[in-house]
Amino acid sequence: MITGRDDEVTNTLTFDQVFEAARQLPIADQQLLVGLLSPPKTIEQIAAEQGIGPFDFKAAQAEATFWPEDESADDFIAALREWRSEGGEERELD
């Protein structure tokens, strides 16, 4: 049960009451509370912090020198299946 002004029983707390109760917590608990109240980071914010930008397909395609341009995707898939079935050492692509 929570008492409000004039000892009136109420189920809601004022901001000031919550703030005062939080101030009385040990510092470690205050820090946990601040962490819980902070909004979560967006994917864009996390990517920016890690120095990651949008995927650049043209740049990736320019760097993909491990497969000849004149061979089809079917040739590539067939080669992958062959390499996997060999069961030997992993092959370096570049």
N, C-alpha and C. Protein backbone atom coordinates (compact mmCIF):
# COMPACT_ATOMS: atom_id res chain seq x y z
N MET A 1 0.85 -1.17 0.00
CA MET A 1 0.00 0.00 0.00
C MET A 1 0.90 1.24 0.00
N ILE A 2 0.53 2.21 -0.79
CA ILE A 2 1.28 3.44 -0.92
C ILE A 2 0.42 4.58 -0.40
N THR A 3 1.03 5.42 0.43
CA THR A 3 0.26 6.56 0.92
C THR A 3 0.69 7.80 0.18
N GLY A 4 -0.25 8.65 -0.09
CA GLY A 4 0.01 9.91 -0.79
C GLY A 4 -0.15 11.07 0.17
N ARG A 5 -0.58 12.20 -0.34
CA ARG A 5 -0.79 13.39 0.48
C ARG A 5 -1.92 13.14 1.47
N ASP A 6 -1.78 13.69 2.64
CA ASP A 6 -2.80 13.59 3.70
C ASP A 6 -3.15 12.14 4.03
N ASP A 7 -2.14 11.26 3.92
CA ASP A 7 -2.30 9.84 4.23
C ASP A 7 -3.44 9.18 3.44
N GLU A 8 -3.73 9.72 2.28
CA GLU A 8 -4.73 9.13 1.40
C GLU A 8 -4.08 7.94 0.69
N VAL A 9 -4.76 6.80 0.70
CA VAL A 9 -4.22 5.61 0.07
C VAL A 9 -4.39 5.74 -1.45
N THR A 10 -3.27 5.52 -2.17
CA THR A 10 -3.31 5.64 -3.63
C THR A 10 -2.42 4.55 -4.24
N ASN A 11 -2.67 4.22 -5.48
CA ASN A 11 -1.88 3.20 -6.17
C ASN A 11 -0.88 3.82 -7.14
N THR A 12 -0.78 5.13 -7.16
CA THR A 12 0.15 5.78 -8.08
C THR A 12 1.15 6.60 -7.29
N LEU A 13 2.34 6.66 -7.84
CA LEU A 13 3.40 7.47 -7.24
C LEU A 13 3.62 8.70 -8.10
N THR A 14 4.05 9.75 -7.48
CA THR A 14 4.44 10.93 -8.25
C THR A 14 5.87 10.74 -8.75
N PHE A 15 6.22 11.52 -9.73
CA PHE A 15 7.58 11.48 -10.23
C PHE A 15 8.58 11.79 -9.11
N ASP A 16 8.25 12.77 -8.30
CA ASP A 16 9.15 13.16 -7.20
C ASP A 16 9.37 12.00 -6.22
N GLN A 17 8.31 11.23 -5.94
CA GLN A 17 8.45 10.09 -5.03
C GLN A 17 9.35 9.02 -5.64
N VAL A 18 9.16 8.74 -6.92
CA VAL A 18 10.00 7.75 -7.60
C VAL A 18 11.45 8.23 -7.65
N PHE A 19 11.64 9.50 -7.96
CA PHE A 19 12.98 10.06 -8.05
C PHE A 19 13.69 9.99 -6.70
N GLU A 20 12.99 10.33 -5.65
CA GLU A 20 13.58 10.27 -4.30
C GLU A 20 13.93 8.84 -3.91
N ALA A 21 13.05 7.90 -4.23
CA ALA A 21 13.33 6.49 -3.93
C ALA A 21 14.55 6.02 -4.71
N ALA A 22 14.68 6.44 -5.97
CA ALA A 22 15.83 6.06 -6.79
C ALA A 22 17.12 6.66 -6.23
N ARG A 23 17.05 7.88 -5.73
CA ARG A 23 18.24 8.52 -5.15
C ARG A 23 18.74 7.79 -3.92
N GLN A 24 17.87 7.09 -3.23
CA GLN A 24 18.26 6.38 -2.00
C GLN A 24 18.86 5.00 -2.30
N LEU A 25 18.81 4.57 -3.53
CA LEU A 25 19.40 3.28 -3.91
C LEU A 25 20.92 3.37 -3.87
N PRO A 26 21.60 2.25 -3.65
CA PRO A 26 23.07 2.25 -3.77
C PRO A 26 23.46 2.64 -5.21
N ILE A 27 24.64 3.20 -5.37
CA ILE A 27 25.07 3.71 -6.67
C ILE A 27 25.02 2.62 -7.74
N ALA A 28 25.39 1.40 -7.43
CA ALA A 28 25.36 0.32 -8.42
C ALA A 28 23.94 0.08 -8.91
N ASP A 29 22.96 0.13 -8.01
CA ASP A 29 21.57 -0.05 -8.40
C ASP A 29 21.07 1.15 -9.21
N GLN A 30 21.55 2.35 -8.87
CA GLN A 30 21.17 3.53 -9.64
C GLN A 30 21.68 3.40 -11.09
N GLN A 31 22.90 2.90 -11.24
CA GLN A 31 23.47 2.72 -12.58
C GLN A 31 22.67 1.68 -13.37
N LEU A 32 22.27 0.59 -12.71
CA LEU A 32 21.43 -0.41 -13.38
C LEU A 32 20.11 0.19 -13.82
N LEU A 33 19.52 1.01 -12.96
CA LEU A 33 18.25 1.65 -13.28
C LEU A 33 18.38 2.58 -14.48
N VAL A 34 19.46 3.35 -14.53
CA VAL A 34 19.70 4.24 -15.67
C VAL A 34 19.83 3.41 -16.95
N GLY A 35 20.53 2.29 -16.87
CA GLY A 35 20.68 1.42 -18.04
C GLY A 35 19.34 0.86 -18.51
N LEU A 36 18.46 0.54 -17.56
CA LEU A 36 17.14 0.03 -17.93
C LEU A 36 16.26 1.10 -18.56
N LEU A 37 16.45 2.33 -18.15
CA LEU A 37 15.63 3.42 -18.66
C LEU A 37 16.14 4.00 -19.97
N SER A 38 17.38 3.69 -20.34
CA SER A 38 17.93 4.20 -21.59
C SER A 38 17.30 3.45 -22.75
N PRO A 39 16.93 4.16 -23.82
CA PRO A 39 16.34 3.46 -24.97
C PRO A 39 17.38 2.56 -25.64
N PRO A 40 16.96 1.44 -26.20
CA PRO A 40 17.92 0.55 -26.87
C PRO A 40 18.46 1.22 -28.13
N LYS A 41 19.66 0.81 -28.53
CA LYS A 41 20.27 1.37 -29.74
C LYS A 41 19.61 0.76 -30.97
N THR A 42 19.56 1.54 -32.03
CA THR A 42 19.04 1.04 -33.29
C THR A 42 20.13 0.28 -34.02
N ILE A 43 19.74 -0.48 -35.02
CA ILE A 43 20.71 -1.20 -35.85
C ILE A 43 21.67 -0.19 -36.49
N GLU A 44 21.13 0.93 -36.93
CA GLU A 44 21.96 1.96 -37.58
C GLU A 44 23.01 2.51 -36.62
N GLN A 45 22.63 2.74 -35.35
CA GLN A 45 23.58 3.25 -34.36
C GLN A 45 24.68 2.23 -34.08
N ILE A 46 24.32 0.98 -33.94
CA ILE A 46 25.32 -0.07 -33.69
C ILE A 46 26.27 -0.18 -34.87
N ALA A 47 25.73 -0.17 -36.08
CA ALA A 47 26.57 -0.25 -37.28
C ALA A 47 27.53 0.93 -37.36
N ALA A 48 27.05 2.13 -37.06
CA ALA A 48 27.90 3.32 -37.10
C ALA A 48 29.02 3.22 -36.07
N GLU A 49 28.71 2.72 -34.88
CA GLU A 49 29.73 2.55 -33.84
C GLU A 49 30.80 1.57 -34.27
N GLN A 50 30.41 0.56 -35.05
CA GLN A 50 31.35 -0.47 -35.49
C GLN A 50 32.00 -0.14 -36.82
N GLY A 51 31.65 1.03 -37.38
CA GLY A 51 32.24 1.43 -38.65
C GLY A 51 31.73 0.63 -39.84
N ILE A 52 30.52 0.13 -39.75
CA ILE A 52 29.95 -0.68 -40.81
C ILE A 52 28.90 0.14 -41.55
N GLY A 53 29.00 0.16 -42.85
CA GLY A 53 28.02 0.89 -43.66
C GLY A 53 27.12 -0.08 -44.39
N PRO A 54 26.26 0.45 -45.25
CA PRO A 54 25.38 -0.41 -46.03
C PRO A 54 26.20 -1.32 -46.95
N PHE A 55 25.66 -2.47 -47.28
CA PHE A 55 26.35 -3.41 -48.15
C PHE A 55 26.46 -2.81 -49.54
N ASP A 56 27.67 -2.80 -50.09
CA ASP A 56 27.93 -2.26 -51.41
C ASP A 56 28.17 -3.43 -52.37
N PHE A 57 27.11 -3.81 -53.09
CA PHE A 57 27.18 -4.98 -53.96
C PHE A 57 28.24 -4.80 -55.05
N LYS A 58 28.31 -3.61 -55.64
CA LYS A 58 29.27 -3.38 -56.73
C LYS A 58 30.71 -3.51 -56.23
N ALA A 59 30.99 -3.00 -55.04
CA ALA A 59 32.34 -3.12 -54.49
C ALA A 59 32.66 -4.58 -54.18
N ALA A 60 31.68 -5.32 -53.64
CA ALA A 60 31.90 -6.74 -53.35
C ALA A 60 32.11 -7.52 -54.64
N GLN A 61 31.36 -7.18 -55.66
CA GLN A 61 31.48 -7.86 -56.94
C GLN A 61 32.87 -7.58 -57.56
N ALA A 62 33.36 -6.36 -57.40
CA ALA A 62 34.67 -6.01 -57.94
C ALA A 62 35.79 -6.76 -57.23
N GLU A 63 35.59 -7.08 -55.96
CA GLU A 63 36.60 -7.80 -55.18
C GLU A 63 36.51 -9.30 -55.36
N ALA A 64 35.43 -9.79 -55.92
CA ALA A 64 35.21 -11.24 -56.06
C ALA A 64 35.97 -11.75 -57.29
N THR A 65 37.23 -12.00 -57.11
CA THR A 65 38.08 -12.45 -58.22
C THR A 65 38.32 -13.95 -58.20
N PHE A 66 37.62 -14.67 -57.34
CA PHE A 66 37.88 -16.09 -57.19
C PHE A 66 37.17 -16.97 -58.21
N TRP A 67 36.31 -16.39 -59.04
CA TRP A 67 35.58 -17.19 -60.04
C TRP A 67 35.60 -16.46 -61.38
N PRO A 68 35.93 -17.18 -62.44
CA PRO A 68 36.00 -16.53 -63.77
C PRO A 68 34.65 -15.97 -64.20
N GLU A 69 34.66 -14.79 -64.79
CA GLU A 69 33.43 -14.12 -65.22
C GLU A 69 32.68 -14.88 -66.29
N ASP A 70 33.40 -15.61 -67.15
CA ASP A 70 32.76 -16.27 -68.28
C ASP A 70 32.10 -17.60 -67.92
N GLU A 71 32.16 -18.00 -66.65
CA GLU A 71 31.51 -19.25 -66.23
C GLU A 71 30.21 -18.93 -65.51
N SER A 72 29.23 -19.78 -65.68
CA SER A 72 27.88 -19.52 -65.15
C SER A 72 27.77 -19.85 -63.67
N ALA A 73 26.63 -19.43 -63.11
CA ALA A 73 26.32 -19.76 -61.71
C ALA A 73 26.19 -21.27 -61.55
N ASP A 74 25.67 -21.95 -62.56
CA ASP A 74 25.56 -23.41 -62.50
C ASP A 74 26.93 -24.06 -62.40
N ASP A 75 27.90 -23.52 -63.14
CA ASP A 75 29.28 -24.03 -63.06
C ASP A 75 29.84 -23.82 -61.65
N PHE A 76 29.53 -22.67 -61.09
CA PHE A 76 30.01 -22.36 -59.75
C PHE A 76 29.42 -23.34 -58.72
N ILE A 77 28.12 -23.58 -58.81
CA ILE A 77 27.45 -24.50 -57.88
C ILE A 77 28.01 -25.91 -58.04
N ALA A 78 28.22 -26.33 -59.27
CA ALA A 78 28.79 -27.66 -59.51
C ALA A 78 30.18 -27.77 -58.90
N ALA A 79 30.98 -26.72 -59.04
CA ALA A 79 32.33 -26.73 -58.46
C ALA A 79 32.26 -26.79 -56.93
N LEU A 80 31.35 -26.03 -56.35
CA LEU A 80 31.19 -26.07 -54.88
C LEU A 80 30.84 -27.47 -54.41
N ARG A 81 29.91 -28.11 -55.09
CA ARG A 81 29.52 -29.48 -54.72
C ARG A 81 30.69 -30.44 -54.83
N GLU A 82 31.47 -30.26 -55.88
CA GLU A 82 32.64 -31.12 -56.07
C GLU A 82 33.66 -30.90 -54.95
N TRP A 83 33.92 -29.63 -54.63
CA TRP A 83 34.89 -29.33 -53.57
C TRP A 83 34.43 -29.89 -52.23
N ARG A 84 33.13 -29.77 -51.97
CA ARG A 84 32.60 -30.28 -50.69
C ARG A 84 32.66 -31.79 -50.62
N SER A 85 32.45 -32.46 -51.73
CA SER A 85 32.44 -33.92 -51.72
C SER A 85 33.85 -34.50 -51.64
N GLU A 86 34.86 -33.69 -51.98
CA GLU A 86 36.24 -34.18 -51.91
C GLU A 86 36.63 -34.51 -50.47
N GLY A 87 36.08 -33.78 -49.51
CA GLY A 87 36.33 -34.06 -48.10
C GLY A 87 37.74 -33.80 -47.64
N GLY A 88 38.55 -33.22 -48.46
CA GLY A 88 39.93 -32.92 -48.08
C GLY A 88 40.04 -31.59 -47.38
N GLU A 89 41.21 -30.99 -47.55
CA GLU A 89 41.45 -29.69 -46.92
C GLU A 89 40.56 -28.62 -47.53
N GLU A 90 40.28 -27.58 -46.74
CA GLU A 90 39.49 -26.47 -47.24
C GLU A 90 40.33 -25.70 -48.27
N ARG A 91 39.68 -25.29 -49.33
CA ARG A 91 40.35 -24.57 -50.39
C ARG A 91 40.24 -23.08 -50.16
N GLU A 92 41.35 -22.36 -50.26
CA GLU A 92 41.35 -20.90 -50.16
C GLU A 92 40.75 -20.34 -51.43
N LEU A 93 39.84 -19.40 -51.34
CA LEU A 93 39.20 -18.84 -52.51
C LEU A 93 40.00 -17.70 -53.13
N ASP A 94 40.89 -17.07 -52.40
CA ASP A 94 41.64 -15.97 -52.95
C ASP A 94 43.06 -16.00 -52.45
